[in-house]
Structure formats: C-alpha cells, structure tokens
Amino acid sequence: KKSEVSEAMTKADIKPKSMHRARIWSDDVENLYRFQQAGYRDEVEYKQVKQVDEVECWPETGFVKKLQRRDNTFYYYNRQRECEDKDVRKVKVYVY
C-alpha cells in the first residue's frame, strides 16, 4: 500500500481516476474514514496539502494517529477501530 501512495505522490497534484463506496470494513477503510473525517480525500491529498512525507500512525495497529485539518486544528484518533459498521458505506475509496 505504501508503495502505491509513494508512487502517486511522485506526480504533482495527482487526481483520482474513479471513486466507489466501501462495502466492508478493513484497515484501509478505517484510515480513509479518518482522513475524510479531517476533511481530506485520502492520504495522497493530505500529504499534498500539508506538505508532509509521513503521517503519524499507531505502531500497534497502523491506524492514523493524528491529522491536522485545513484550519490547523488537530484530530487525534484512538488505537482501535473508530469507523463503525453503519459508517462504512459513507467512506469513499479513490482509485488512482
């Protein structure tokens, strides 16, 4: 997964080719949920906007730990799952 994101980051201001809704929960859906809660499409957009190389993640789970919104407010996330089953279909999955 990281190689896909890194590869996407090499292109300036890359845009997704398509989007679909998540159907089942996974680690990737969990992280997308966190980015979208903070106002970003995904990790690629977050890194482009905030101009960072790495996103802070929990070492135990690999889930995003902290994100900075566009208004510079921080969102802090728990180690465990936060995206409930009822919210899974709200998560947008982008394809590059």
N, C-alpha and C. Protein backbone atom coordinates (compact mmCIF):
# COMPACT_ATOMS: atom_id res chain seq x y z
N LYS A 1 0.82 -1.19 0.00
CA LYS A 1 0.00 0.00 0.00
C LYS A 1 0.86 1.26 0.00
N LYS A 2 1.88 1.29 0.84
CA LYS A 2 2.72 2.47 0.91
C LYS A 2 3.39 2.77 -0.43
N SER A 3 3.73 1.72 -1.19
CA SER A 3 4.37 1.96 -2.47
C SER A 3 3.41 2.63 -3.45
N GLU A 4 2.12 2.28 -3.38
CA GLU A 4 1.13 2.93 -4.24
C GLU A 4 1.01 4.41 -3.90
N VAL A 5 0.96 4.72 -2.61
CA VAL A 5 0.85 6.10 -2.18
C VAL A 5 2.11 6.86 -2.55
N SER A 6 3.27 6.25 -2.32
CA SER A 6 4.54 6.90 -2.67
C SER A 6 4.62 7.16 -4.17
N GLU A 7 4.18 6.18 -4.95
CA GLU A 7 4.19 6.32 -6.40
C GLU A 7 3.26 7.45 -6.83
N ALA A 8 2.09 7.52 -6.21
CA ALA A 8 1.13 8.57 -6.53
C ALA A 8 1.68 9.94 -6.14
N MET A 9 2.45 10.00 -5.08
CA MET A 9 2.98 11.27 -4.60
C MET A 9 4.06 11.83 -5.52
N THR A 10 4.66 11.00 -6.36
CA THR A 10 5.71 11.50 -7.24
C THR A 10 5.14 12.39 -8.33
N LYS A 11 3.86 12.25 -8.63
CA LYS A 11 3.22 13.09 -9.63
C LYS A 11 2.63 14.31 -8.93
N ALA A 12 2.87 15.49 -9.49
CA ALA A 12 2.38 16.71 -8.86
C ALA A 12 0.87 16.82 -9.00
N ASP A 13 0.21 17.13 -7.89
CA ASP A 13 -1.23 17.38 -7.84
C ASP A 13 -2.04 16.30 -8.56
N ILE A 14 -1.79 15.06 -8.21
CA ILE A 14 -2.47 13.93 -8.85
C ILE A 14 -3.94 13.90 -8.44
N LYS A 15 -4.79 13.52 -9.38
CA LYS A 15 -6.23 13.41 -9.14
C LYS A 15 -6.64 11.96 -9.34
N PRO A 16 -7.62 11.50 -8.57
CA PRO A 16 -8.09 10.12 -8.73
C PRO A 16 -8.84 9.93 -10.04
N LYS A 17 -8.79 8.69 -10.57
CA LYS A 17 -9.48 8.35 -11.81
C LYS A 17 -10.93 8.00 -11.55
N SER A 18 -11.20 7.38 -10.40
CA SER A 18 -12.57 7.00 -10.08
C SER A 18 -12.73 6.88 -8.57
N MET A 19 -14.01 6.69 -8.16
CA MET A 19 -14.33 6.57 -6.75
C MET A 19 -15.46 5.57 -6.60
N HIS A 20 -15.42 4.79 -5.51
CA HIS A 20 -16.55 3.93 -5.15
C HIS A 20 -16.69 3.93 -3.63
N ARG A 21 -17.79 3.45 -3.16
CA ARG A 21 -18.05 3.40 -1.72
C ARG A 21 -17.55 2.08 -1.15
N ALA A 22 -17.03 2.14 0.06
CA ALA A 22 -16.59 0.93 0.74
C ALA A 22 -17.81 0.07 1.06
N ARG A 23 -17.62 -1.25 1.02
CA ARG A 23 -18.72 -2.17 1.35
C ARG A 23 -18.49 -2.89 2.66
N ILE A 24 -17.23 -3.17 2.95
CA ILE A 24 -16.90 -3.85 4.19
C ILE A 24 -15.74 -3.11 4.86
N TRP A 25 -15.66 -3.23 6.17
CA TRP A 25 -14.60 -2.58 6.92
C TRP A 25 -13.28 -3.30 6.69
N SER A 26 -12.20 -2.53 6.60
CA SER A 26 -10.84 -3.06 6.55
C SER A 26 -9.92 -2.00 7.15
N ASP A 27 -8.66 -2.33 7.31
CA ASP A 27 -7.70 -1.36 7.83
C ASP A 27 -7.62 -0.13 6.92
N ASP A 28 -7.65 -0.36 5.60
CA ASP A 28 -7.59 0.75 4.65
C ASP A 28 -8.82 1.64 4.76
N VAL A 29 -9.99 1.02 4.90
CA VAL A 29 -11.23 1.79 5.05
C VAL A 29 -11.18 2.60 6.34
N GLU A 30 -10.63 2.03 7.39
CA GLU A 30 -10.50 2.75 8.67
C GLU A 30 -9.67 4.01 8.49
N ASN A 31 -8.53 3.89 7.81
CA ASN A 31 -7.69 5.07 7.62
C ASN A 31 -8.33 6.08 6.69
N LEU A 32 -9.01 5.63 5.64
CA LEU A 32 -9.73 6.56 4.77
C LEU A 32 -10.80 7.31 5.55
N TYR A 33 -11.49 6.62 6.42
CA TYR A 33 -12.51 7.24 7.27
C TYR A 33 -11.89 8.38 8.09
N ARG A 34 -10.72 8.15 8.63
CA ARG A 34 -10.05 9.16 9.45
C ARG A 34 -9.64 10.37 8.62
N PHE A 35 -9.09 10.11 7.43
CA PHE A 35 -8.71 11.24 6.54
C PHE A 35 -9.95 12.03 6.14
N GLN A 36 -11.02 11.34 5.80
CA GLN A 36 -12.23 12.03 5.35
C GLN A 36 -12.91 12.77 6.49
N GLN A 37 -12.81 12.27 7.70
CA GLN A 37 -13.33 12.99 8.87
C GLN A 37 -12.59 14.31 9.06
N ALA A 38 -11.31 14.32 8.75
CA ALA A 38 -10.49 15.52 8.92
C ALA A 38 -10.59 16.46 7.71
N GLY A 39 -11.35 16.06 6.68
CA GLY A 39 -11.59 16.95 5.55
C GLY A 39 -10.73 16.70 4.33
N TYR A 40 -10.11 15.54 4.25
CA TYR A 40 -9.27 15.20 3.11
C TYR A 40 -9.83 14.00 2.37
N ARG A 41 -9.53 13.90 1.10
CA ARG A 41 -9.96 12.78 0.28
C ARG A 41 -9.30 11.49 0.76
N ASP A 42 -7.98 11.56 0.97
CA ASP A 42 -7.20 10.38 1.34
C ASP A 42 -5.80 10.82 1.75
N GLU A 43 -4.92 9.86 1.94
CA GLU A 43 -3.55 10.16 2.36
C GLU A 43 -2.80 10.98 1.32
N VAL A 44 -3.03 10.72 0.06
CA VAL A 44 -2.35 11.46 -1.01
C VAL A 44 -2.68 12.94 -0.92
N GLU A 45 -3.97 13.27 -0.81
CA GLU A 45 -4.36 14.67 -0.72
C GLU A 45 -3.81 15.31 0.55
N TYR A 46 -3.87 14.60 1.67
CA TYR A 46 -3.35 15.13 2.93
C TYR A 46 -1.87 15.50 2.79
N LYS A 47 -1.09 14.60 2.22
CA LYS A 47 0.35 14.87 2.06
C LYS A 47 0.61 16.03 1.11
N GLN A 48 -0.21 16.16 0.08
CA GLN A 48 -0.04 17.28 -0.86
C GLN A 48 -0.37 18.61 -0.19
N VAL A 49 -1.49 18.66 0.54
CA VAL A 49 -1.93 19.90 1.15
C VAL A 49 -1.02 20.31 2.31
N LYS A 50 -0.70 19.37 3.18
CA LYS A 50 0.11 19.68 4.36
C LYS A 50 1.61 19.60 4.09
N GLN A 51 1.99 19.13 2.93
CA GLN A 51 3.39 19.02 2.53
C GLN A 51 4.23 18.27 3.57
N VAL A 52 3.76 17.07 3.89
CA VAL A 52 4.47 16.18 4.81
C VAL A 52 4.82 14.89 4.07
N ASP A 53 5.85 14.22 4.55
CA ASP A 53 6.27 12.96 3.94
C ASP A 53 5.60 11.76 4.60
N GLU A 54 5.33 11.88 5.90
CA GLU A 54 4.77 10.76 6.66
C GLU A 54 3.57 11.22 7.47
N VAL A 55 2.66 10.29 7.68
CA VAL A 55 1.50 10.52 8.54
C VAL A 55 1.75 9.74 9.83
N GLU A 56 1.47 10.36 10.97
CA GLU A 56 1.71 9.70 12.24
C GLU A 56 0.67 8.60 12.47
N CYS A 57 1.15 7.36 12.68
CA CYS A 57 0.27 6.20 12.86
C CYS A 57 0.60 5.49 14.17
N TRP A 58 -0.41 4.76 14.67
CA TRP A 58 -0.19 3.91 15.84
C TRP A 58 0.65 2.71 15.43
N PRO A 59 1.76 2.43 16.11
CA PRO A 59 2.61 1.30 15.71
C PRO A 59 1.91 -0.06 15.87
N GLU A 60 1.00 -0.18 16.84
CA GLU A 60 0.34 -1.46 17.09
C GLU A 60 -0.64 -1.85 15.99
N THR A 61 -1.37 -0.85 15.47
CA THR A 61 -2.43 -1.15 14.51
C THR A 61 -2.17 -0.62 13.11
N GLY A 62 -1.33 0.40 13.01
CA GLY A 62 -1.08 1.03 11.72
C GLY A 62 -2.14 2.07 11.36
N PHE A 63 -3.10 2.29 12.26
CA PHE A 63 -4.14 3.29 12.01
C PHE A 63 -3.56 4.69 12.21
N VAL A 64 -4.12 5.65 11.48
CA VAL A 64 -3.71 7.05 11.61
C VAL A 64 -3.93 7.50 13.05
N LYS A 65 -2.93 8.17 13.59
CA LYS A 65 -2.96 8.62 14.99
C LYS A 65 -3.40 10.07 15.11
N LYS A 66 -2.89 10.92 14.21
CA LYS A 66 -3.13 12.36 14.34
C LYS A 66 -3.14 12.99 12.95
N LEU A 67 -4.12 13.87 12.70
CA LEU A 67 -4.19 14.61 11.44
C LEU A 67 -4.46 16.08 11.74
N GLN A 68 -3.93 16.93 10.87
CA GLN A 68 -4.16 18.36 11.00
C GLN A 68 -5.17 18.79 9.94
N ARG A 69 -6.28 19.37 10.37
CA ARG A 69 -7.28 19.85 9.42
C ARG A 69 -6.75 21.06 8.68
N ARG A 70 -7.50 21.50 7.67
CA ARG A 70 -7.08 22.66 6.88
C ARG A 70 -7.05 23.95 7.71
N ASP A 71 -7.87 24.01 8.76
CA ASP A 71 -7.87 25.19 9.64
C ASP A 71 -6.84 25.07 10.76
N ASN A 72 -5.95 24.08 10.64
CA ASN A 72 -4.83 23.82 11.56
C ASN A 72 -5.26 23.25 12.91
N THR A 73 -6.51 22.85 13.05
CA THR A 73 -6.96 22.13 14.23
C THR A 73 -6.52 20.68 14.09
N PHE A 74 -6.14 20.05 15.20
CA PHE A 74 -5.70 18.66 15.14
C PHE A 74 -6.82 17.71 15.51
N TYR A 75 -6.89 16.59 14.83
CA TYR A 75 -7.75 15.47 15.18
C TYR A 75 -6.85 14.38 15.73
N TYR A 76 -7.21 13.84 16.88
CA TYR A 76 -6.47 12.73 17.48
C TYR A 76 -7.36 11.51 17.48
N TYR A 77 -6.81 10.37 17.07
CA TYR A 77 -7.59 9.14 16.94
C TYR A 77 -7.07 8.07 17.89
N ASN A 78 -7.96 7.16 18.25
CA ASN A 78 -7.63 6.04 19.14
C ASN A 78 -6.87 4.96 18.39
N ARG A 79 -6.29 4.05 19.16
CA ARG A 79 -5.59 2.90 18.59
C ARG A 79 -6.55 1.93 17.92
N GLN A 80 -7.74 1.81 18.49
CA GLN A 80 -8.69 0.82 17.98
C GLN A 80 -9.62 1.44 16.93
N ARG A 81 -10.39 0.59 16.34
CA ARG A 81 -11.32 0.96 15.28
C ARG A 81 -12.28 2.08 15.72
N GLU A 82 -12.47 3.06 14.83
CA GLU A 82 -13.42 4.15 15.08
C GLU A 82 -14.55 4.18 14.05
N CYS A 83 -14.32 3.62 12.88
CA CYS A 83 -15.33 3.59 11.82
C CYS A 83 -16.30 2.44 12.10
N GLU A 84 -17.49 2.79 12.55
CA GLU A 84 -18.48 1.77 12.87
C GLU A 84 -19.08 1.20 11.59
N ASP A 85 -19.68 0.02 11.71
CA ASP A 85 -20.29 -0.64 10.55
C ASP A 85 -21.27 0.27 9.83
N LYS A 86 -22.04 1.06 10.57
CA LYS A 86 -23.04 1.95 9.95
C LYS A 86 -22.39 3.06 9.12
N ASP A 87 -21.11 3.34 9.36
CA ASP A 87 -20.40 4.40 8.64
C ASP A 87 -19.57 3.91 7.47
N VAL A 88 -19.43 2.60 7.33
CA VAL A 88 -18.55 2.04 6.29
C VAL A 88 -18.99 2.49 4.89
N ARG A 89 -20.28 2.47 4.59
CA ARG A 89 -20.77 2.85 3.25
C ARG A 89 -20.57 4.33 2.95
N LYS A 90 -20.28 5.14 3.96
CA LYS A 90 -20.04 6.57 3.76
C LYS A 90 -18.62 6.84 3.28
N VAL A 91 -17.73 5.87 3.46
CA VAL A 91 -16.32 6.05 3.12
C VAL A 91 -16.13 5.94 1.60
N LYS A 92 -15.47 6.94 1.06
CA LYS A 92 -15.18 6.96 -0.38
C LYS A 92 -13.79 6.37 -0.62
N VAL A 93 -13.71 5.43 -1.54
CA VAL A 93 -12.44 4.80 -1.88
C VAL A 93 -12.05 5.29 -3.27
N TYR A 94 -10.91 5.95 -3.37
CA TYR A 94 -10.46 6.53 -4.63
C TYR A 94 -9.45 5.62 -5.30
N VAL A 95 -9.53 5.56 -6.63
CA VAL A 95 -8.61 4.75 -7.43
C VAL A 95 -7.78 5.69 -8.28
N TYR A 96 -6.47 5.49 -8.23
CA TYR A 96 -5.55 6.35 -8.99
C TYR A 96 -5.06 5.67 -10.24
